[in-house]
Amino acid sequence: MIAHNTPPQAWAQHLAGPPAGARPSSGTPLTMAEAARVQRYRDQLMAALRAQDRPALRNAKQQVLEAAFGPGGPCPAEPSAESPALRRALRDLSWRMAAVLLVRGAHR
């Protein structure tokens, strides 16, 4: 579940650090730019959830899914420059947000 009280940028800093208990050879961590990108997606999801805005939540989820599982990059004709760590973080976020739903009567 996505924590509602995480301070801004704290999650990005956590993502950019080495995984807890990780060995040095277990893969590269996210760069701060990549972590900030994941943070922006998360912030967008949380803003839609706080606003109880179903269309915005659906749109934010779709953006995360496209970034995580799409061909990559803003231009699909170019090969993806995304690191495996970024794809992994986006996939993790997509799984975490998959269960986030708004109650039908909650739309304002």
N, C-alpha and C. Protein backbone atom coordinates (compact mmCIF):
# COMPACT_ATOMS: atom_id res chain seq x y z
N MET A 1 0.84 -1.18 0.00
CA MET A 1 0.00 0.00 0.00
C MET A 1 0.88 1.24 0.00
N ILE A 2 0.43 2.28 -0.63
CA ILE A 2 1.17 3.53 -0.72
C ILE A 2 0.92 4.34 0.55
N ALA A 3 1.99 4.75 1.23
CA ALA A 3 1.85 5.53 2.46
C ALA A 3 1.34 6.93 2.12
N HIS A 4 0.41 7.41 2.90
CA HIS A 4 -0.19 8.72 2.64
C HIS A 4 0.60 9.85 3.29
N ASN A 5 1.47 9.56 4.25
CA ASN A 5 2.12 10.61 5.00
C ASN A 5 3.62 10.73 4.71
N THR A 6 4.08 10.25 3.59
CA THR A 6 5.49 10.33 3.24
C THR A 6 5.83 11.76 2.85
N PRO A 7 6.88 12.35 3.48
CA PRO A 7 7.25 13.71 3.12
C PRO A 7 7.69 13.80 1.66
N PRO A 8 7.50 14.96 1.02
CA PRO A 8 7.92 15.11 -0.38
C PRO A 8 9.40 14.80 -0.53
N GLN A 9 9.75 14.15 -1.59
CA GLN A 9 11.12 13.79 -1.97
C GLN A 9 11.74 12.73 -1.07
N ALA A 10 11.14 12.40 0.06
CA ALA A 10 11.72 11.36 0.92
C ALA A 10 11.69 10.01 0.22
N TRP A 11 10.63 9.77 -0.51
CA TRP A 11 10.51 8.51 -1.22
C TRP A 11 11.54 8.42 -2.34
N ALA A 12 11.76 9.52 -3.05
CA ALA A 12 12.76 9.56 -4.12
C ALA A 12 14.15 9.31 -3.55
N GLN A 13 14.46 9.90 -2.41
CA GLN A 13 15.77 9.66 -1.79
C GLN A 13 15.91 8.21 -1.37
N HIS A 14 14.84 7.64 -0.86
CA HIS A 14 14.86 6.22 -0.49
C HIS A 14 15.11 5.34 -1.71
N LEU A 15 14.43 5.65 -2.81
CA LEU A 15 14.59 4.86 -4.03
C LEU A 15 16.00 4.95 -4.59
N ALA A 16 16.63 6.12 -4.48
CA ALA A 16 17.97 6.31 -5.05
C ALA A 16 19.05 5.66 -4.21
N GLY A 17 18.77 5.37 -2.97
CA GLY A 17 19.75 4.72 -2.11
C GLY A 17 19.84 3.24 -2.40
N PRO A 18 20.88 2.58 -1.88
CA PRO A 18 20.99 1.15 -2.10
C PRO A 18 19.87 0.41 -1.37
N PRO A 19 19.38 -0.68 -1.94
CA PRO A 19 18.33 -1.44 -1.27
C PRO A 19 18.80 -1.96 0.08
N ALA A 20 17.90 -2.01 1.04
CA ALA A 20 18.25 -2.48 2.37
C ALA A 20 18.76 -3.92 2.30
N GLY A 21 19.91 -4.16 2.88
CA GLY A 21 20.49 -5.49 2.90
C GLY A 21 21.04 -5.96 1.57
N ALA A 22 21.19 -5.05 0.63
CA ALA A 22 21.63 -5.43 -0.71
C ALA A 22 23.14 -5.61 -0.74
N ARG A 23 23.57 -6.56 -1.53
CA ARG A 23 24.99 -6.74 -1.78
C ARG A 23 25.41 -5.76 -2.85
N PRO A 24 26.68 -5.36 -2.89
CA PRO A 24 27.12 -4.41 -3.91
C PRO A 24 26.87 -4.88 -5.34
N SER A 25 26.84 -6.17 -5.58
CA SER A 25 26.66 -6.68 -6.93
C SER A 25 25.21 -6.97 -7.28
N SER A 26 24.26 -6.53 -6.44
CA SER A 26 22.85 -6.86 -6.67
C SER A 26 22.16 -5.96 -7.68
N GLY A 27 22.88 -5.08 -8.35
CA GLY A 27 22.28 -4.21 -9.35
C GLY A 27 22.54 -2.76 -9.02
N THR A 28 22.30 -1.92 -10.00
CA THR A 28 22.54 -0.51 -9.79
C THR A 28 21.29 0.15 -9.22
N PRO A 29 21.49 1.09 -8.28
CA PRO A 29 20.33 1.81 -7.76
C PRO A 29 19.88 2.86 -8.76
N LEU A 30 18.75 3.45 -8.48
CA LEU A 30 18.25 4.54 -9.32
C LEU A 30 19.14 5.77 -9.15
N THR A 31 19.26 6.53 -10.21
CA THR A 31 19.89 7.84 -10.08
C THR A 31 18.87 8.76 -9.42
N MET A 32 19.31 9.91 -8.95
CA MET A 32 18.37 10.85 -8.33
C MET A 32 17.35 11.34 -9.36
N ALA A 33 17.75 11.50 -10.61
CA ALA A 33 16.81 11.93 -11.65
C ALA A 33 15.73 10.87 -11.87
N GLU A 34 16.14 9.60 -11.89
CA GLU A 34 15.17 8.52 -12.06
C GLU A 34 14.25 8.42 -10.85
N ALA A 35 14.83 8.55 -9.67
CA ALA A 35 14.03 8.50 -8.44
C ALA A 35 13.04 9.65 -8.40
N ALA A 36 13.47 10.83 -8.86
CA ALA A 36 12.56 11.98 -8.90
C ALA A 36 11.42 11.73 -9.88
N ARG A 37 11.71 11.03 -10.98
CA ARG A 37 10.66 10.71 -11.95
C ARG A 37 9.63 9.78 -11.33
N VAL A 38 10.08 8.76 -10.61
CA VAL A 38 9.15 7.85 -9.94
C VAL A 38 8.37 8.61 -8.88
N GLN A 39 9.05 9.52 -8.17
CA GLN A 39 8.40 10.35 -7.16
C GLN A 39 7.28 11.18 -7.77
N ARG A 40 7.52 11.75 -8.96
CA ARG A 40 6.49 12.56 -9.62
C ARG A 40 5.27 11.71 -9.97
N TYR A 41 5.50 10.49 -10.46
CA TYR A 41 4.37 9.60 -10.75
C TYR A 41 3.59 9.30 -9.47
N ARG A 42 4.32 9.01 -8.40
CA ARG A 42 3.67 8.69 -7.12
C ARG A 42 2.89 9.90 -6.61
N ASP A 43 3.49 11.09 -6.70
CA ASP A 43 2.80 12.30 -6.24
C ASP A 43 1.52 12.54 -7.03
N GLN A 44 1.58 12.27 -8.33
CA GLN A 44 0.39 12.44 -9.17
C GLN A 44 -0.71 11.46 -8.75
N LEU A 45 -0.33 10.23 -8.46
CA LEU A 45 -1.30 9.24 -7.99
C LEU A 45 -1.91 9.67 -6.66
N MET A 46 -1.07 10.12 -5.75
CA MET A 46 -1.55 10.51 -4.43
C MET A 46 -2.45 11.75 -4.50
N ALA A 47 -2.12 12.70 -5.37
CA ALA A 47 -2.95 13.90 -5.51
C ALA A 47 -4.34 13.53 -6.03
N ALA A 48 -4.39 12.63 -6.99
CA ALA A 48 -5.69 12.18 -7.51
C ALA A 48 -6.47 11.43 -6.44
N LEU A 49 -5.79 10.64 -5.65
CA LEU A 49 -6.45 9.89 -4.59
C LEU A 49 -6.99 10.84 -3.52
N ARG A 50 -6.19 11.82 -3.11
CA ARG A 50 -6.64 12.79 -2.10
C ARG A 50 -7.82 13.61 -2.62
N ALA A 51 -7.81 13.94 -3.90
CA ALA A 51 -8.89 14.73 -4.49
C ALA A 51 -10.12 13.89 -4.79
N GLN A 52 -10.01 12.57 -4.62
CA GLN A 52 -11.12 11.67 -4.93
C GLN A 52 -11.56 11.84 -6.38
N ASP A 53 -10.59 12.04 -7.26
CA ASP A 53 -10.84 12.31 -8.68
C ASP A 53 -10.58 11.03 -9.48
N ARG A 54 -11.68 10.33 -9.81
CA ARG A 54 -11.56 9.04 -10.51
C ARG A 54 -10.87 9.17 -11.88
N PRO A 55 -11.26 10.14 -12.72
CA PRO A 55 -10.58 10.25 -14.02
C PRO A 55 -9.08 10.57 -13.88
N ALA A 56 -8.73 11.43 -12.94
CA ALA A 56 -7.31 11.76 -12.74
C ALA A 56 -6.55 10.54 -12.23
N LEU A 57 -7.16 9.76 -11.34
CA LEU A 57 -6.50 8.55 -10.84
C LEU A 57 -6.31 7.54 -11.96
N ARG A 58 -7.34 7.37 -12.79
CA ARG A 58 -7.23 6.45 -13.92
C ARG A 58 -6.13 6.90 -14.88
N ASN A 59 -6.05 8.20 -15.15
CA ASN A 59 -5.03 8.75 -16.03
C ASN A 59 -3.63 8.56 -15.44
N ALA A 60 -3.48 8.82 -14.15
CA ALA A 60 -2.18 8.66 -13.50
C ALA A 60 -1.74 7.20 -13.53
N LYS A 61 -2.67 6.30 -13.27
CA LYS A 61 -2.35 4.87 -13.32
C LYS A 61 -1.90 4.48 -14.72
N GLN A 62 -2.60 4.98 -15.73
CA GLN A 62 -2.26 4.65 -17.12
C GLN A 62 -0.86 5.14 -17.47
N GLN A 63 -0.51 6.33 -17.00
CA GLN A 63 0.83 6.86 -17.27
C GLN A 63 1.91 6.00 -16.64
N VAL A 64 1.66 5.53 -15.42
CA VAL A 64 2.63 4.66 -14.75
C VAL A 64 2.76 3.35 -15.52
N LEU A 65 1.64 2.78 -15.93
CA LEU A 65 1.68 1.52 -16.68
C LEU A 65 2.43 1.67 -18.00
N GLU A 66 2.17 2.76 -18.70
CA GLU A 66 2.87 2.99 -19.97
C GLU A 66 4.37 3.16 -19.76
N ALA A 67 4.74 3.87 -18.69
CA ALA A 67 6.17 4.06 -18.41
C ALA A 67 6.83 2.76 -17.98
N ALA A 68 6.10 1.94 -17.24
CA ALA A 68 6.67 0.70 -16.72
C ALA A 68 6.74 -0.41 -17.76
N PHE A 69 5.70 -0.53 -18.57
CA PHE A 69 5.61 -1.67 -19.47
C PHE A 69 5.62 -1.31 -20.95
N GLY A 70 5.60 -0.01 -21.25
CA GLY A 70 5.59 0.43 -22.64
C GLY A 70 6.96 0.28 -23.29
N PRO A 71 7.03 0.63 -24.57
CA PRO A 71 8.30 0.49 -25.29
C PRO A 71 9.39 1.40 -24.76
N GLY A 72 9.04 2.43 -24.01
CA GLY A 72 10.02 3.28 -23.36
C GLY A 72 10.26 4.58 -24.09
N GLY A 73 10.63 5.58 -23.30
CA GLY A 73 10.97 6.87 -23.85
C GLY A 73 9.79 7.62 -24.39
N PRO A 74 9.92 8.94 -24.51
CA PRO A 74 8.83 9.73 -25.06
C PRO A 74 8.63 9.50 -26.54
N CYS A 75 9.68 9.04 -27.24
CA CYS A 75 9.58 8.75 -28.67
C CYS A 75 9.73 7.24 -28.86
N PRO A 76 8.65 6.52 -29.15
CA PRO A 76 8.72 5.07 -29.26
C PRO A 76 9.69 4.56 -30.34
N ALA A 77 10.02 5.39 -31.33
CA ALA A 77 10.94 4.95 -32.38
C ALA A 77 12.37 4.84 -31.88
N GLU A 78 12.68 5.55 -30.81
CA GLU A 78 14.02 5.50 -30.26
C GLU A 78 14.11 4.37 -29.23
N PRO A 79 15.28 3.73 -29.12
CA PRO A 79 15.42 2.71 -28.09
C PRO A 79 15.35 3.34 -26.70
N SER A 80 14.85 2.59 -25.76
CA SER A 80 14.69 3.09 -24.40
C SER A 80 16.04 3.30 -23.73
N ALA A 81 16.18 4.47 -23.11
CA ALA A 81 17.39 4.77 -22.37
C ALA A 81 17.16 4.54 -20.88
N GLU A 82 16.04 3.95 -20.54
CA GLU A 82 15.72 3.73 -19.15
C GLU A 82 16.55 2.59 -18.58
N SER A 83 16.99 2.78 -17.36
CA SER A 83 17.80 1.75 -16.71
C SER A 83 16.90 0.63 -16.19
N PRO A 84 17.48 -0.55 -15.99
CA PRO A 84 16.69 -1.64 -15.40
C PRO A 84 16.15 -1.26 -14.02
N ALA A 85 16.90 -0.47 -13.27
CA ALA A 85 16.45 -0.06 -11.93
C ALA A 85 15.20 0.81 -12.03
N LEU A 86 15.16 1.71 -13.02
CA LEU A 86 13.98 2.56 -13.20
C LEU A 86 12.78 1.72 -13.60
N ARG A 87 12.95 0.82 -14.53
CA ARG A 87 11.83 -0.04 -14.94
C ARG A 87 11.32 -0.86 -13.76
N ARG A 88 12.24 -1.36 -12.94
CA ARG A 88 11.87 -2.14 -11.76
C ARG A 88 11.06 -1.28 -10.79
N ALA A 89 11.51 -0.05 -10.55
CA ALA A 89 10.80 0.85 -9.63
C ALA A 89 9.42 1.21 -10.16
N LEU A 90 9.31 1.44 -11.46
CA LEU A 90 8.02 1.77 -12.06
C LEU A 90 7.08 0.57 -12.00
N ARG A 91 7.61 -0.61 -12.22
CA ARG A 91 6.77 -1.82 -12.12
C ARG A 91 6.30 -2.03 -10.69
N ASP A 92 7.18 -1.78 -9.73
CA ASP A 92 6.80 -1.89 -8.33
C ASP A 92 5.69 -0.89 -8.01
N LEU A 93 5.84 0.34 -8.47
CA LEU A 93 4.80 1.35 -8.26
C LEU A 93 3.49 0.94 -8.92
N SER A 94 3.58 0.37 -10.11
CA SER A 94 2.35 -0.04 -10.80
C SER A 94 1.62 -1.14 -10.03
N TRP A 95 2.36 -2.06 -9.42
CA TRP A 95 1.74 -3.11 -8.62
C TRP A 95 1.12 -2.53 -7.36
N ARG A 96 1.83 -1.58 -6.75
CA ARG A 96 1.31 -0.98 -5.52
C ARG A 96 0.05 -0.16 -5.78
N MET A 97 0.00 0.52 -6.90
CA MET A 97 -1.16 1.36 -7.17
C MET A 97 -2.30 0.58 -7.81
N ALA A 98 -2.07 -0.65 -8.20
CA ALA A 98 -3.12 -1.43 -8.85
C ALA A 98 -4.33 -1.63 -7.93
N ALA A 99 -4.08 -1.72 -6.65
CA ALA A 99 -5.18 -1.96 -5.70
C ALA A 99 -5.85 -0.66 -5.24
N VAL A 100 -5.31 0.48 -5.64
CA VAL A 100 -5.87 1.76 -5.21
C VAL A 100 -7.11 2.06 -6.05
N LEU A 101 -8.25 2.05 -5.41
CA LEU A 101 -9.51 2.31 -6.09
C LEU A 101 -10.30 3.34 -5.29
N LEU A 102 -11.11 4.07 -5.97
CA LEU A 102 -12.02 5.00 -5.29
C LEU A 102 -13.41 4.39 -5.28
N VAL A 103 -14.11 4.62 -4.22
CA VAL A 103 -15.48 4.13 -4.09
C VAL A 103 -16.34 4.87 -5.12
N ARG A 104 -17.25 4.17 -5.74
CA ARG A 104 -18.07 4.76 -6.81
C ARG A 104 -18.74 6.06 -6.40
N GLY A 105 -19.23 6.17 -5.20
CA GLY A 105 -19.94 7.36 -4.78
C GLY A 105 -19.03 8.49 -4.33
N ALA A 106 -17.72 8.30 -4.41
CA ALA A 106 -16.79 9.29 -3.87
C ALA A 106 -16.50 10.42 -4.83
N HIS A 107 -16.87 10.31 -6.11
CA HIS A 107 -16.55 11.36 -7.09
C HIS A 107 -17.34 12.62 -6.79
N ARG A 108 -16.64 13.74 -6.79
CA ARG A 108 -17.29 15.03 -6.47
C ARG A 108 -17.75 15.71 -7.72
